[in-house]
């Protein structure tokens, strides 16, 4: 009976946070769920990944991980965060900023950005192969590829696994895993809600542009 009560209590809780998103939510106070201070990140410029992220948070109790030490990221593990890539350099720099934030928040030793790449369509560097190489140079013995994608589409099902396999083969078959994309998660709702509220405040002239819209002038009401 005690085990059943404990299970029901666990199921009634909110889904745990993923460290991948925690930096976005860490600026909220415990008393209320205020909007994220995107303007503060903008003012910090490209060094925003170092804002108030010196303390490393431990995974939340009941997280989606198994909790076993064998499945934690160790000093010899590397994380490669990969997005689609763009011909716009400004878009590619967003991934670099996120990698800095991720590294600072999680404390993982080896974290590298990568962009999708094919012989038919060269988009941006570093490629997945480049990122694998940098990880090995830093002493990695296993590579964790984390897609910076919302949905489990073709890139996640085919392209990224194929590119990761090619990179692994050229590096003496270094072990690797391709994790799930961002997908459905309760915290995605919180993030989108924060974006909506902040952009409406900016349109009303109450706050500066956020880091995403900065310099574009696109965050405004149209009629």
N, C-alpha and C. Protein backbone atom coordinates (compact mmCIF):
# COMPACT_ATOMS: atom_id res chain seq x y z
N UNK A 1 0.83 -1.20 0.00
CA UNK A 1 0.00 0.00 0.00
C UNK A 1 0.87 1.26 0.00
N UNK A 2 1.95 1.24 0.81
CA UNK A 2 2.83 2.40 0.84
C UNK A 2 3.49 2.63 -0.51
N UNK A 3 3.85 1.52 -1.21
CA UNK A 3 4.46 1.68 -2.53
C UNK A 3 3.47 2.26 -3.52
N UNK A 4 2.20 1.85 -3.45
CA UNK A 4 1.16 2.35 -4.34
C UNK A 4 0.93 3.84 -4.10
N UNK A 5 0.89 4.25 -2.84
CA UNK A 5 0.70 5.66 -2.52
C UNK A 5 1.87 6.50 -3.05
N UNK A 6 3.07 5.93 -2.90
CA UNK A 6 4.23 6.66 -3.40
C UNK A 6 4.19 6.82 -4.90
N UNK A 7 3.72 5.77 -5.59
CA UNK A 7 3.62 5.84 -7.06
C UNK A 7 2.60 6.87 -7.48
N UNK A 8 1.44 6.89 -6.81
CA UNK A 8 0.40 7.86 -7.15
C UNK A 8 0.88 9.28 -6.90
N UNK A 9 1.65 9.45 -5.83
CA UNK A 9 2.17 10.79 -5.53
C UNK A 9 3.15 11.23 -6.61
N UNK A 10 3.98 10.29 -7.10
CA UNK A 10 4.94 10.62 -8.15
C UNK A 10 4.23 11.00 -9.44
N UNK A 11 3.16 10.24 -9.79
CA UNK A 11 2.43 10.51 -11.02
C UNK A 11 1.69 11.82 -10.96
N UNK A 12 1.35 12.28 -9.76
CA UNK A 12 0.60 13.52 -9.63
C UNK A 12 1.49 14.75 -9.73
N UNK A 13 2.81 14.55 -9.68
CA UNK A 13 3.74 15.69 -9.75
C UNK A 13 3.90 16.15 -11.18
N UNK A 14 4.40 17.37 -11.34
CA UNK A 14 4.75 17.86 -12.67
C UNK A 14 5.92 17.07 -13.20
N UNK A 15 6.01 17.00 -14.54
CA UNK A 15 7.16 16.34 -15.13
C UNK A 15 8.42 17.05 -14.71
N UNK A 16 9.49 16.33 -14.46
CA UNK A 16 10.73 16.96 -13.99
C UNK A 16 11.36 17.79 -15.08
N UNK A 17 12.23 18.67 -14.66
CA UNK A 17 12.94 19.49 -15.63
C UNK A 17 14.00 18.67 -16.33
N UNK A 18 14.36 19.13 -17.51
CA UNK A 18 15.52 18.59 -18.21
C UNK A 18 16.61 19.64 -18.13
N UNK A 19 17.84 19.27 -17.77
CA UNK A 19 18.89 20.29 -17.67
C UNK A 19 19.03 21.10 -18.95
N UNK A 20 18.61 20.49 -20.08
CA UNK A 20 18.68 21.18 -21.35
C UNK A 20 17.92 22.49 -21.35
N UNK A 21 16.80 22.54 -20.57
CA UNK A 21 15.96 23.73 -20.52
C UNK A 21 16.15 24.55 -19.26
N UNK A 22 16.87 24.03 -18.28
CA UNK A 22 16.82 24.64 -16.96
C UNK A 22 17.35 26.06 -16.95
N UNK A 23 18.33 26.35 -17.84
CA UNK A 23 18.88 27.69 -17.83
C UNK A 23 17.84 28.72 -18.20
N UNK A 24 16.82 28.31 -18.98
CA UNK A 24 15.77 29.25 -19.37
C UNK A 24 14.85 29.58 -18.21
N UNK A 25 14.70 28.62 -17.31
CA UNK A 25 13.73 28.79 -16.23
C UNK A 25 14.38 29.18 -14.91
N UNK A 26 15.72 29.14 -14.87
CA UNK A 26 16.41 29.37 -13.62
C UNK A 26 16.30 30.78 -13.09
N UNK A 27 15.91 31.74 -13.96
CA UNK A 27 15.82 33.11 -13.50
C UNK A 27 14.50 33.42 -12.82
N UNK A 28 13.62 32.44 -12.74
CA UNK A 28 12.33 32.68 -12.10
C UNK A 28 12.46 32.59 -10.59
N UNK A 29 11.69 33.36 -9.88
CA UNK A 29 11.70 33.31 -8.42
C UNK A 29 10.89 32.13 -7.95
N UNK A 30 11.16 31.71 -6.72
CA UNK A 30 10.41 30.59 -6.16
C UNK A 30 8.98 30.99 -5.85
N UNK A 31 8.73 32.26 -5.64
CA UNK A 31 7.40 32.69 -5.25
C UNK A 31 6.46 32.84 -6.43
N UNK A 32 6.99 33.11 -7.61
CA UNK A 32 6.11 33.32 -8.75
C UNK A 32 6.78 32.94 -10.03
N UNK A 33 6.03 32.74 -11.10
CA UNK A 33 6.56 32.32 -12.38
C UNK A 33 6.57 33.52 -13.30
N UNK A 34 7.50 34.44 -13.05
CA UNK A 34 7.60 35.65 -13.84
C UNK A 34 8.27 35.35 -15.17
N UNK A 35 8.14 36.27 -16.11
CA UNK A 35 8.75 36.10 -17.42
C UNK A 35 10.26 36.10 -17.30
N UNK A 36 10.90 35.34 -18.18
CA UNK A 36 12.35 35.27 -18.20
C UNK A 36 12.90 36.62 -18.65
N UNK A 37 13.99 37.02 -18.05
CA UNK A 37 14.58 38.32 -18.36
C UNK A 37 15.44 38.20 -19.61
N UNK A 38 14.78 38.10 -20.79
CA UNK A 38 15.51 37.98 -22.03
C UNK A 38 16.32 39.24 -22.32
N UNK A 39 15.82 40.40 -21.89
CA UNK A 39 16.53 41.65 -22.14
C UNK A 39 17.89 41.64 -21.45
N UNK A 40 17.94 41.05 -20.26
CA UNK A 40 19.21 40.98 -19.53
C UNK A 40 20.21 40.12 -20.30
N UNK A 41 19.72 39.02 -20.90
CA UNK A 41 20.60 38.20 -21.71
C UNK A 41 21.10 38.96 -22.92
N UNK A 42 20.22 39.76 -23.51
CA UNK A 42 20.60 40.53 -24.68
C UNK A 42 21.70 41.51 -24.33
N UNK A 43 21.56 42.21 -23.20
CA UNK A 43 22.55 43.20 -22.80
C UNK A 43 23.89 42.55 -22.50
N UNK A 44 23.85 41.27 -22.13
CA UNK A 44 25.11 40.58 -21.82
C UNK A 44 25.86 40.20 -23.08
N UNK A 45 25.20 40.27 -24.24
CA UNK A 45 25.85 39.95 -25.50
C UNK A 45 26.15 38.48 -25.61
N UNK A 46 27.19 38.17 -26.36
CA UNK A 46 27.52 36.77 -26.64
C UNK A 46 28.06 36.04 -25.43
N UNK A 47 28.34 36.72 -24.35
CA UNK A 47 28.82 36.06 -23.14
C UNK A 47 27.68 35.65 -22.24
N UNK A 48 26.45 35.69 -22.76
CA UNK A 48 25.27 35.41 -21.93
C UNK A 48 25.29 34.01 -21.36
N UNK A 49 26.04 33.10 -21.97
CA UNK A 49 26.08 31.74 -21.46
C UNK A 49 26.69 31.64 -20.09
N UNK A 50 27.36 32.69 -19.63
CA UNK A 50 28.01 32.64 -18.32
C UNK A 50 27.21 33.34 -17.24
N UNK A 51 26.00 33.79 -17.55
CA UNK A 51 25.21 34.53 -16.58
C UNK A 51 24.68 33.63 -15.48
N UNK A 52 25.10 33.91 -14.28
CA UNK A 52 24.53 33.26 -13.09
C UNK A 52 24.44 31.76 -13.24
N UNK A 53 25.45 31.14 -13.81
CA UNK A 53 25.39 29.70 -14.05
C UNK A 53 26.59 28.98 -13.49
N UNK A 54 27.16 29.52 -12.46
CA UNK A 54 28.33 28.89 -11.88
C UNK A 54 27.97 27.67 -11.04
N UNK A 55 26.77 27.70 -10.44
CA UNK A 55 26.35 26.58 -9.61
C UNK A 55 25.72 25.51 -10.47
N UNK A 56 26.15 24.26 -10.30
CA UNK A 56 25.65 23.15 -11.09
C UNK A 56 24.48 22.52 -10.36
N UNK A 57 23.37 22.37 -11.04
CA UNK A 57 22.18 21.79 -10.44
C UNK A 57 22.21 20.28 -10.61
N UNK A 58 21.83 19.55 -9.56
CA UNK A 58 21.71 18.11 -9.65
C UNK A 58 20.38 17.76 -10.30
N UNK A 59 20.32 16.59 -11.01
CA UNK A 59 19.07 16.19 -11.63
C UNK A 59 17.96 16.08 -10.60
N UNK A 60 16.76 16.48 -11.00
CA UNK A 60 15.62 16.47 -10.10
C UNK A 60 15.22 15.05 -9.74
N UNK A 61 14.67 14.90 -8.56
CA UNK A 61 14.21 13.60 -8.11
C UNK A 61 13.08 13.13 -9.02
N UNK A 62 13.17 11.89 -9.46
CA UNK A 62 12.13 11.36 -10.32
C UNK A 62 12.28 11.82 -11.75
N UNK A 63 13.48 12.17 -12.19
CA UNK A 63 13.67 12.66 -13.54
C UNK A 63 13.50 11.51 -14.53
N UNK A 64 13.53 11.88 -15.83
CA UNK A 64 13.31 10.88 -16.87
C UNK A 64 14.51 9.96 -17.03
N UNK A 65 15.64 10.27 -16.41
CA UNK A 65 16.76 9.36 -16.45
C UNK A 65 16.56 8.26 -15.43
N UNK A 66 17.35 7.19 -15.54
CA UNK A 66 17.15 6.03 -14.67
C UNK A 66 17.67 6.27 -13.27
N UNK A 67 18.56 7.26 -13.12
CA UNK A 67 19.13 7.52 -11.81
C UNK A 67 20.37 6.70 -11.53
N UNK A 68 20.71 5.76 -12.40
CA UNK A 68 21.89 4.93 -12.21
C UNK A 68 23.14 5.71 -12.58
N UNK A 69 24.18 5.55 -11.78
CA UNK A 69 25.43 6.24 -12.05
C UNK A 69 26.00 5.83 -13.41
N UNK A 70 25.70 4.60 -13.87
CA UNK A 70 26.22 4.12 -15.14
C UNK A 70 25.70 4.92 -16.31
N UNK A 71 24.62 5.64 -16.13
CA UNK A 71 24.02 6.37 -17.24
C UNK A 71 24.23 7.87 -17.11
N UNK A 72 25.05 8.29 -16.18
CA UNK A 72 25.39 9.70 -16.07
C UNK A 72 26.49 10.05 -17.06
N UNK A 73 26.58 11.33 -17.41
CA UNK A 73 27.65 11.78 -18.29
C UNK A 73 28.91 11.97 -17.47
N UNK A 74 29.97 11.29 -17.86
CA UNK A 74 31.23 11.36 -17.13
C UNK A 74 32.26 12.21 -17.83
N UNK A 75 33.45 12.29 -17.25
CA UNK A 75 34.51 13.13 -17.78
C UNK A 75 34.98 12.68 -19.16
N UNK A 76 34.81 11.40 -19.48
CA UNK A 76 35.24 10.88 -20.78
C UNK A 76 34.12 10.87 -21.80
N UNK A 77 32.97 11.38 -21.41
CA UNK A 77 31.84 11.49 -22.34
C UNK A 77 31.80 12.88 -22.95
N UNK A 78 31.35 12.96 -24.18
CA UNK A 78 31.20 14.24 -24.86
C UNK A 78 29.77 14.38 -25.34
N UNK A 79 29.28 15.62 -25.32
CA UNK A 79 27.93 15.92 -25.81
C UNK A 79 28.08 16.78 -27.06
N UNK A 80 27.48 16.34 -28.14
CA UNK A 80 27.43 17.12 -29.37
C UNK A 80 25.99 17.57 -29.59
N UNK A 81 25.77 18.86 -29.57
CA UNK A 81 24.43 19.42 -29.78
C UNK A 81 24.34 19.87 -31.23
N UNK A 82 23.45 19.27 -31.98
CA UNK A 82 23.41 19.49 -33.42
C UNK A 82 22.08 20.09 -33.85
N UNK A 83 22.16 21.14 -34.69
CA UNK A 83 20.96 21.71 -35.29
C UNK A 83 21.04 21.57 -36.80
N UNK A 84 20.09 22.16 -37.51
CA UNK A 84 20.05 22.00 -38.96
C UNK A 84 21.17 22.78 -39.63
N UNK A 85 21.46 23.97 -39.10
CA UNK A 85 22.44 24.84 -39.73
C UNK A 85 21.77 25.80 -40.70
N UNK A 86 22.39 26.92 -40.90
CA UNK A 86 21.81 27.96 -41.74
C UNK A 86 22.90 28.69 -42.50
N UNK A 87 22.53 29.29 -43.63
CA UNK A 87 23.47 30.16 -44.34
C UNK A 87 23.58 31.52 -43.66
N UNK A 88 22.66 31.81 -42.74
CA UNK A 88 22.73 33.04 -41.94
C UNK A 88 23.64 32.79 -40.74
N UNK A 89 24.75 33.48 -40.69
CA UNK A 89 25.70 33.27 -39.59
C UNK A 89 25.07 33.61 -38.25
N UNK A 90 24.18 34.61 -38.24
CA UNK A 90 23.53 34.98 -36.98
C UNK A 90 22.75 33.82 -36.40
N UNK A 91 22.13 33.03 -37.26
CA UNK A 91 21.37 31.87 -36.78
C UNK A 91 22.29 30.80 -36.21
N UNK A 92 23.41 30.60 -36.86
CA UNK A 92 24.36 29.60 -36.37
C UNK A 92 24.96 29.98 -35.03
N UNK A 93 25.13 31.28 -34.80
CA UNK A 93 25.70 31.74 -33.53
C UNK A 93 24.78 31.46 -32.36
N UNK A 94 23.48 31.34 -32.62
CA UNK A 94 22.54 31.02 -31.55
C UNK A 94 22.89 29.66 -30.94
N UNK A 95 23.26 28.71 -31.78
CA UNK A 95 23.63 27.39 -31.26
C UNK A 95 24.89 27.49 -30.40
N UNK A 96 25.85 28.29 -30.82
CA UNK A 96 27.05 28.47 -30.01
C UNK A 96 26.72 29.02 -28.63
N UNK A 97 25.81 29.99 -28.59
CA UNK A 97 25.40 30.56 -27.30
C UNK A 97 24.72 29.50 -26.44
N UNK A 98 23.89 28.68 -27.08
CA UNK A 98 23.20 27.65 -26.31
C UNK A 98 24.18 26.63 -25.76
N UNK A 99 25.17 26.26 -26.56
CA UNK A 99 26.18 25.30 -26.09
C UNK A 99 26.92 25.86 -24.88
N UNK A 100 27.25 27.15 -24.90
CA UNK A 100 27.90 27.77 -23.76
C UNK A 100 27.01 27.69 -22.52
N UNK A 101 25.73 27.98 -22.69
CA UNK A 101 24.79 27.90 -21.57
C UNK A 101 24.68 26.48 -21.05
N UNK A 102 24.58 25.53 -21.97
CA UNK A 102 24.43 24.13 -21.59
C UNK A 102 25.65 23.64 -20.81
N UNK A 103 26.82 23.99 -21.30
CA UNK A 103 28.06 23.57 -20.62
C UNK A 103 28.15 24.18 -19.23
N UNK A 104 27.82 25.47 -19.12
CA UNK A 104 27.91 26.14 -17.83
C UNK A 104 26.88 25.60 -16.84
N UNK A 105 25.69 25.32 -17.30
CA UNK A 105 24.63 24.85 -16.40
C UNK A 105 24.84 23.42 -15.97
N UNK A 106 25.24 22.55 -16.90
CA UNK A 106 25.34 21.13 -16.57
C UNK A 106 26.69 20.76 -15.96
N UNK A 107 27.73 21.52 -16.33
CA UNK A 107 29.05 21.17 -15.85
C UNK A 107 29.72 20.08 -16.66
N UNK A 108 29.11 19.65 -17.78
CA UNK A 108 29.74 18.64 -18.62
C UNK A 108 31.05 19.19 -19.18
N UNK A 109 32.06 18.35 -19.20
CA UNK A 109 33.41 18.81 -19.56
C UNK A 109 33.55 19.07 -21.05
N UNK A 110 32.98 18.20 -21.87
CA UNK A 110 33.17 18.29 -23.32
C UNK A 110 31.81 18.47 -23.99
N UNK A 111 31.55 19.64 -24.52
CA UNK A 111 30.30 19.94 -25.23
C UNK A 111 30.66 20.71 -26.49
N UNK A 112 30.22 20.22 -27.63
CA UNK A 112 30.54 20.86 -28.90
C UNK A 112 29.29 21.07 -29.74
N UNK A 113 29.22 22.17 -30.50
CA UNK A 113 28.12 22.39 -31.42
C UNK A 113 28.38 21.72 -32.76
N UNK A 114 27.33 21.42 -33.49
CA UNK A 114 27.47 20.87 -34.84
C UNK A 114 26.23 21.24 -35.65
N UNK A 115 26.41 21.32 -36.97
CA UNK A 115 25.31 21.62 -37.87
C UNK A 115 25.16 20.49 -38.88
N UNK A 116 23.94 20.34 -39.39
CA UNK A 116 23.71 19.34 -40.44
C UNK A 116 24.56 19.67 -41.64
N UNK A 117 24.98 18.64 -42.35
CA UNK A 117 25.89 18.83 -43.47
C UNK A 117 25.75 17.67 -44.44
N UNK A 118 25.75 17.98 -45.72
CA UNK A 118 25.79 16.93 -46.73
C UNK A 118 26.61 17.42 -47.91
N UNK A 119 27.06 16.52 -48.75
CA UNK A 119 27.85 16.90 -49.92
C UNK A 119 27.03 17.72 -50.91
N UNK A 120 25.73 17.53 -50.90
CA UNK A 120 24.86 18.23 -51.84
C UNK A 120 24.49 19.62 -51.34
N UNK A 121 24.54 19.82 -50.05
CA UNK A 121 24.08 21.10 -49.50
C UNK A 121 24.95 21.48 -48.30
N UNK A 122 25.98 22.24 -48.55
CA UNK A 122 26.85 22.67 -47.48
C UNK A 122 26.22 23.85 -46.78
N UNK A 123 25.92 23.70 -45.51
CA UNK A 123 25.22 24.75 -44.79
C UNK A 123 26.14 25.51 -43.86
N UNK A 124 26.72 24.83 -42.93
CA UNK A 124 27.50 25.55 -41.92
C UNK A 124 28.50 24.61 -41.27
N UNK A 125 29.49 25.18 -40.69
CA UNK A 125 30.49 24.44 -39.92
C UNK A 125 30.45 24.93 -38.47
N UNK A 126 30.82 24.06 -37.52
CA UNK A 126 31.39 22.72 -37.69
C UNK A 126 30.33 21.67 -38.03
N UNK A 127 30.77 20.65 -38.75
CA UNK A 127 29.89 19.54 -39.07
C UNK A 127 29.88 18.55 -37.92
N UNK A 128 29.04 17.54 -38.03
CA UNK A 128 29.01 16.49 -37.02
C UNK A 128 30.36 15.78 -36.96
N UNK A 129 30.96 15.56 -38.12
CA UNK A 129 32.29 14.93 -38.15
C UNK A 129 33.32 15.81 -37.45
N UNK A 130 33.25 17.11 -37.70
CA UNK A 130 34.17 18.04 -37.03
C UNK A 130 34.01 17.97 -35.52
N UNK A 131 32.75 17.97 -35.07
CA UNK A 131 32.47 17.95 -33.63
C UNK A 131 32.98 16.66 -32.99
N UNK A 132 32.79 15.53 -33.67
CA UNK A 132 33.30 14.26 -33.16
C UNK A 132 34.81 14.35 -32.97
N UNK A 133 35.50 14.90 -33.98
CA UNK A 133 36.94 15.00 -33.91
C UNK A 133 37.41 15.86 -32.74
N UNK A 134 36.72 16.99 -32.52
CA UNK A 134 37.08 17.87 -31.41
C UNK A 134 36.87 17.17 -30.08
N UNK A 135 35.80 16.38 -30.00
CA UNK A 135 35.53 15.65 -28.76
C UNK A 135 36.64 14.64 -28.45
N UNK A 136 37.06 13.90 -29.47
CA UNK A 136 38.12 12.91 -29.28
C UNK A 136 39.42 13.59 -28.89
N UNK A 137 39.71 14.73 -29.51
CA UNK A 137 40.92 15.48 -29.18
C UNK A 137 40.94 15.90 -27.71
N UNK A 138 39.76 16.09 -27.14
CA UNK A 138 39.67 16.49 -25.74
C UNK A 138 39.60 15.29 -24.79
N UNK A 139 39.75 14.10 -25.33
CA UNK A 139 39.82 12.92 -24.49
C UNK A 139 38.53 12.12 -24.37
N UNK A 140 37.54 12.41 -25.21
CA UNK A 140 36.26 11.70 -25.11
C UNK A 140 36.41 10.25 -25.57
N UNK A 141 35.74 9.35 -24.86
CA UNK A 141 35.71 7.94 -25.25
C UNK A 141 34.30 7.51 -25.63
N UNK A 142 33.34 8.43 -25.52
CA UNK A 142 31.96 8.16 -25.93
C UNK A 142 31.33 9.50 -26.30
N UNK A 143 30.51 9.50 -27.35
CA UNK A 143 29.89 10.73 -27.83
C UNK A 143 28.37 10.62 -27.74
N UNK A 144 27.77 11.61 -27.13
CA UNK A 144 26.32 11.68 -27.00
C UNK A 144 25.81 12.78 -27.92
N UNK A 145 25.11 12.41 -28.97
CA UNK A 145 24.61 13.37 -29.95
C UNK A 145 23.19 13.76 -29.56
N UNK A 146 22.99 15.04 -29.27
CA UNK A 146 21.68 15.52 -28.83
C UNK A 146 21.12 16.47 -29.89
N UNK A 147 20.07 16.07 -30.61
CA UNK A 147 19.51 16.91 -31.67
C UNK A 147 18.77 18.12 -31.10
N UNK A 148 19.12 19.29 -31.60
CA UNK A 148 18.47 20.54 -31.20
C UNK A 148 17.28 20.76 -32.15
N UNK A 149 16.36 19.78 -32.13
CA UNK A 149 15.18 19.78 -32.99
C UNK A 149 13.94 19.58 -32.13
N UNK A 150 12.81 20.10 -32.60
CA UNK A 150 11.57 19.93 -31.87
C UNK A 150 10.93 18.56 -32.12
N UNK A 151 10.94 18.11 -33.36
CA UNK A 151 10.17 16.92 -33.72
C UNK A 151 11.08 15.80 -34.22
N UNK A 152 10.65 14.55 -34.05
CA UNK A 152 11.43 13.40 -34.52
C UNK A 152 11.21 13.16 -36.01
N UNK A 153 11.68 14.08 -36.84
CA UNK A 153 11.51 13.96 -38.28
C UNK A 153 12.64 13.21 -38.95
N UNK A 154 12.80 13.46 -40.26
CA UNK A 154 13.78 12.71 -41.05
C UNK A 154 15.21 12.94 -40.56
N UNK A 155 15.53 14.16 -40.17
CA UNK A 155 16.89 14.44 -39.72
C UNK A 155 17.27 13.56 -38.53
N UNK A 156 16.31 13.40 -37.59
CA UNK A 156 16.57 12.58 -36.41
C UNK A 156 16.58 11.09 -36.77
N UNK A 157 15.67 10.68 -37.65
CA UNK A 157 15.54 9.26 -37.97
C UNK A 157 16.64 8.77 -38.91
N UNK A 158 17.07 9.63 -39.84
CA UNK A 158 17.99 9.15 -40.87
C UNK A 158 19.31 9.93 -40.93
N UNK A 159 19.21 11.23 -41.13
CA UNK A 159 20.39 12.01 -41.46
C UNK A 159 21.42 12.05 -40.33
N UNK A 160 20.97 12.42 -39.12
CA UNK A 160 21.92 12.53 -38.01
C UNK A 160 22.54 11.17 -37.66
N UNK A 161 21.75 10.08 -37.57
CA UNK A 161 22.38 8.78 -37.30
C UNK A 161 23.39 8.39 -38.37
N UNK A 162 23.10 8.69 -39.65
CA UNK A 162 24.03 8.33 -40.72
C UNK A 162 25.32 9.13 -40.59
N UNK A 163 25.22 10.42 -40.32
CA UNK A 163 26.41 11.26 -40.19
C UNK A 163 27.21 10.89 -38.94
N UNK A 164 26.51 10.55 -37.87
CA UNK A 164 27.20 10.13 -36.64
C UNK A 164 27.93 8.81 -36.86
N UNK A 165 27.30 7.89 -37.58
CA UNK A 165 27.94 6.60 -37.86
C UNK A 165 29.19 6.79 -38.70
N UNK A 166 29.12 7.69 -39.68
CA UNK A 166 30.29 7.97 -40.52
C UNK A 166 31.42 8.57 -39.69
N UNK A 167 31.07 9.51 -38.83
CA UNK A 167 32.09 10.15 -37.98
C UNK A 167 32.72 9.14 -37.04
N UNK A 168 31.89 8.28 -36.45
CA UNK A 168 32.40 7.27 -35.52
C UNK A 168 33.36 6.31 -36.22
N UNK A 169 33.00 5.92 -37.43
CA UNK A 169 33.82 4.97 -38.18
C UNK A 169 35.21 5.54 -38.45
N UNK A 170 35.28 6.83 -38.76
CA UNK A 170 36.57 7.46 -39.06
C UNK A 170 37.40 7.69 -37.80
N UNK A 171 36.79 7.53 -36.64
CA UNK A 171 37.50 7.73 -35.38
C UNK A 171 37.55 6.42 -34.59
N UNK A 172 37.95 5.36 -35.28
CA UNK A 172 38.15 4.03 -34.66
C UNK A 172 36.89 3.51 -34.00
N UNK A 173 35.74 3.80 -34.62
CA UNK A 173 34.45 3.31 -34.12
C UNK A 173 34.18 3.72 -32.68
N UNK A 174 34.41 4.98 -32.38
CA UNK A 174 34.13 5.48 -31.04
C UNK A 174 32.64 5.30 -30.75
N UNK A 175 32.27 4.77 -29.58
CA UNK A 175 30.85 4.57 -29.25
C UNK A 175 30.09 5.89 -29.23
N UNK A 176 28.85 5.84 -29.66
CA UNK A 176 28.02 7.05 -29.67
C UNK A 176 26.55 6.66 -29.52
N UNK A 177 25.75 7.64 -29.18
CA UNK A 177 24.30 7.46 -29.11
C UNK A 177 23.65 8.74 -29.61
N UNK A 178 22.55 8.61 -30.33
CA UNK A 178 21.76 9.76 -30.77
C UNK A 178 20.51 9.81 -29.90
N UNK A 179 20.40 10.84 -29.09
CA UNK A 179 19.27 10.92 -28.15
C UNK A 179 18.02 11.43 -28.84
N UNK A 180 16.93 11.41 -28.13
CA UNK A 180 15.66 11.93 -28.66
C UNK A 180 15.75 13.45 -28.83
N UNK A 181 15.00 14.00 -29.78
CA UNK A 181 14.92 15.46 -29.90
C UNK A 181 14.11 16.04 -28.75
N UNK A 182 13.91 17.35 -28.77
CA UNK A 182 13.22 18.00 -27.66
C UNK A 182 11.81 17.46 -27.49
N UNK A 183 11.06 17.36 -28.57
CA UNK A 183 9.75 16.73 -28.53
C UNK A 183 8.77 17.37 -27.58
N UNK A 184 7.81 16.57 -27.13
CA UNK A 184 6.78 17.03 -26.21
C UNK A 184 7.29 16.98 -24.78
N UNK A 185 7.19 18.10 -24.09
CA UNK A 185 7.57 18.16 -22.69
C UNK A 185 6.86 19.34 -22.07
N UNK A 186 6.43 19.20 -20.83
CA UNK A 186 5.68 20.27 -20.18
C UNK A 186 6.43 21.59 -20.18
N UNK A 187 7.73 21.54 -20.04
CA UNK A 187 8.49 22.77 -19.98
C UNK A 187 8.49 23.52 -21.30
N UNK A 188 8.22 22.82 -22.41
CA UNK A 188 8.07 23.51 -23.68
C UNK A 188 6.89 24.46 -23.64
N UNK A 189 5.83 24.07 -22.93
CA UNK A 189 4.68 24.95 -22.76
C UNK A 189 5.08 26.20 -22.00
N UNK A 190 5.86 26.04 -20.94
CA UNK A 190 6.31 27.19 -20.15
C UNK A 190 7.15 28.14 -20.99
N UNK A 191 8.05 27.57 -21.80
CA UNK A 191 8.92 28.40 -22.61
C UNK A 191 8.13 29.19 -23.64
N UNK A 192 7.20 28.52 -24.32
CA UNK A 192 6.39 29.22 -25.31
C UNK A 192 5.54 30.31 -24.66
N UNK A 193 4.99 30.01 -23.49
CA UNK A 193 4.18 31.00 -22.77
C UNK A 193 5.02 32.22 -22.40
N UNK A 194 6.26 31.99 -21.97
CA UNK A 194 7.16 33.09 -21.65
C UNK A 194 7.45 33.95 -22.88
N UNK A 195 7.68 33.29 -24.02
CA UNK A 195 7.94 34.02 -25.26
C UNK A 195 6.74 34.92 -25.61
N UNK A 196 5.56 34.34 -25.53
CA UNK A 196 4.34 35.10 -25.88
C UNK A 196 4.20 36.32 -24.99
N UNK A 197 4.33 36.12 -23.68
CA UNK A 197 4.15 37.23 -22.75
C UNK A 197 5.21 38.31 -22.96
N UNK A 198 6.45 37.88 -23.19
CA UNK A 198 7.52 38.86 -23.33
C UNK A 198 7.36 39.66 -24.62
N UNK A 199 7.02 38.98 -25.71
CA UNK A 199 6.86 39.68 -26.99
C UNK A 199 5.69 40.67 -26.94
N UNK A 200 4.64 40.32 -26.24
CA UNK A 200 3.51 41.26 -26.09
C UNK A 200 3.94 42.47 -25.28
N UNK A 201 4.77 42.25 -24.25
CA UNK A 201 5.27 43.38 -23.47
C UNK A 201 6.17 44.28 -24.32
N UNK A 202 6.97 43.66 -25.18
CA UNK A 202 7.83 44.46 -26.06
C UNK A 202 6.99 45.26 -27.05
N UNK A 203 5.97 44.61 -27.61
CA UNK A 203 5.10 45.30 -28.56
C UNK A 203 4.40 46.50 -27.91
N UNK A 204 4.16 46.39 -26.59
CA UNK A 204 3.54 47.49 -25.85
C UNK A 204 4.54 48.55 -25.45
N UNK A 205 5.81 48.32 -25.73
CA UNK A 205 6.85 49.30 -25.40
C UNK A 205 7.34 49.24 -23.98
N UNK A 206 7.10 48.13 -23.29
CA UNK A 206 7.48 48.03 -21.88
C UNK A 206 8.86 47.42 -21.65
N UNK A 207 9.36 46.64 -22.61
CA UNK A 207 10.65 45.98 -22.44
C UNK A 207 11.41 46.02 -23.76
N UNK A 208 12.71 45.75 -23.69
CA UNK A 208 13.54 45.68 -24.89
C UNK A 208 13.26 44.40 -25.65
N UNK A 209 13.81 44.32 -26.86
CA UNK A 209 13.71 43.09 -27.62
C UNK A 209 14.45 41.96 -26.91
N UNK A 210 13.96 40.76 -27.09
CA UNK A 210 14.65 39.60 -26.50
C UNK A 210 15.84 39.25 -27.38
N UNK A 211 16.61 38.26 -26.97
CA UNK A 211 17.81 37.88 -27.70
C UNK A 211 17.49 37.36 -29.10
N UNK A 212 16.36 36.72 -29.27
CA UNK A 212 16.00 36.15 -30.56
C UNK A 212 15.63 37.24 -31.56
N UNK A 213 14.86 38.21 -31.11
CA UNK A 213 14.36 39.27 -32.00
C UNK A 213 15.29 40.48 -32.09
N UNK A 214 16.33 40.51 -31.27
CA UNK A 214 17.18 41.70 -31.17
C UNK A 214 17.68 42.16 -32.53
N UNK A 215 17.40 43.42 -32.86
CA UNK A 215 17.89 44.01 -34.10
C UNK A 215 17.05 43.73 -35.33
N UNK A 216 16.00 42.92 -35.19
CA UNK A 216 15.20 42.58 -36.36
C UNK A 216 13.99 43.49 -36.55
N UNK A 217 13.46 44.04 -35.45
CA UNK A 217 12.27 44.88 -35.52
C UNK A 217 11.00 44.11 -35.88
N UNK A 218 11.07 42.78 -35.85
CA UNK A 218 9.93 41.96 -36.26
C UNK A 218 8.92 41.73 -35.13
N UNK A 219 9.35 41.95 -33.89
CA UNK A 219 8.46 41.68 -32.78
C UNK A 219 7.58 42.91 -32.52
N UNK A 220 6.49 43.01 -33.28
CA UNK A 220 5.57 44.14 -33.17
C UNK A 220 4.21 43.73 -33.67
N UNK A 221 3.21 44.54 -33.33
CA UNK A 221 1.86 44.27 -33.80
C UNK A 221 1.67 44.75 -35.23
N UNK A 222 1.02 43.94 -36.05
CA UNK A 222 0.74 44.30 -37.44
C UNK A 222 -0.76 44.51 -37.61
N UNK A 223 -1.13 45.37 -38.52
CA UNK A 223 -2.56 45.56 -38.78
C UNK A 223 -2.76 45.87 -40.26
